[in-house]
Protein backbone atom coordinates (compact mmCIF):
# COMPACT_ATOMS: atom_id res chain seq x y z
CA MET A 1 -0.02 0.03 0.07
CA SER A 2 1.17 3.05 -1.16
CA ARG A 3 1.48 6.13 1.46
CA TYR A 4 0.75 8.79 -0.99
CA PRO A 5 -3.17 9.42 -2.26
CA ASP A 6 -3.58 8.38 -5.50
CA LEU A 7 -3.36 11.96 -6.96
CA VAL A 8 -1.72 11.72 -10.14
CA PHE A 9 -2.47 10.70 -13.16
CA ARG A 10 0.27 9.13 -15.63
CA TYR A 11 -0.93 8.06 -19.59
CA ALA A 12 2.14 6.44 -21.66
CA ASN A 13 2.99 8.05 -24.98
CA THR A 14 1.03 11.42 -24.19
CA TYR A 15 3.22 13.65 -23.63
CA PRO A 16 4.33 14.55 -27.78
CA ALA A 17 0.71 14.97 -29.18
CA VAL A 18 0.07 17.43 -26.22
CA ILE A 19 3.00 19.35 -26.93
CA GLN A 20 2.78 19.43 -30.77
CA ALA A 21 -1.11 20.51 -29.33
CA LEU A 22 0.51 23.49 -27.18
CA GLN A 23 2.83 24.23 -30.17
CA HIS A 24 0.30 24.62 -32.69
CA SER A 25 -2.37 26.39 -30.34
CA TYR A 26 -4.92 23.69 -30.51
CA ALA A 27 -5.11 23.85 -26.45
CA ASP A 28 -6.31 26.73 -24.45
CA ILE A 29 -3.97 25.27 -20.94
CA GLU A 30 -4.95 27.91 -19.35
CA SER A 31 -8.55 26.99 -18.87
CA ILE A 32 -7.90 23.73 -17.65
CA ILE A 33 -6.33 25.64 -14.48
CA THR A 34 -8.86 25.07 -12.05
CA HIS A 35 -7.00 26.12 -8.89
CA ARG A 36 -3.48 28.43 -8.21
CA TYR A 37 -1.50 27.82 -5.02
CA GLY A 38 2.06 28.94 -3.58
CA LEU A 39 4.36 26.15 -1.44
CA ALA A 40 3.04 27.34 1.58
CA ASP A 41 -0.57 26.49 0.57
CA ILE A 42 0.33 22.47 -0.31
CA LYS A 43 -1.69 21.57 2.00
CA GLU A 44 -4.84 22.95 1.06
CA ALA A 45 -3.57 22.19 -2.57
CA VAL A 46 -3.62 18.79 -1.74
CA GLU A 47 -6.85 18.95 -0.59
CA THR A 48 -8.42 20.52 -3.19
CA ALA A 49 -7.65 17.95 -5.92
CA TYR A 50 -8.75 15.61 -3.68
CA THR A 51 -11.54 16.44 -2.39
CA ARG A 52 -13.20 18.34 -4.64
CA GLU A 53 -13.77 15.83 -7.61
CA GLY A 54 -15.34 17.52 -10.46
CA THR A 55 -14.34 20.93 -9.75
CA SER A 56 -10.85 20.96 -9.90
CA ILE A 57 -9.54 20.19 -12.92
CA LYS A 58 -5.84 20.66 -12.49
CA VAL A 59 -4.38 22.03 -9.34
CA MET A 60 -1.05 23.59 -10.07
CA ILE A 61 1.40 23.90 -6.80
């Protein structure tokens, strides 16, 4: 059992497609960031990502 919550999802071989989309402006990355936190607020950021399923799309620390 991991001591870390299952908050990070990784998808194999998706980085090239994402990089291409960003280079060609296919995606507006700013529009998917729903919450921003500084390092001092890391506990609140993790709680937001973990407990607000459906309202937190991308939580940035």
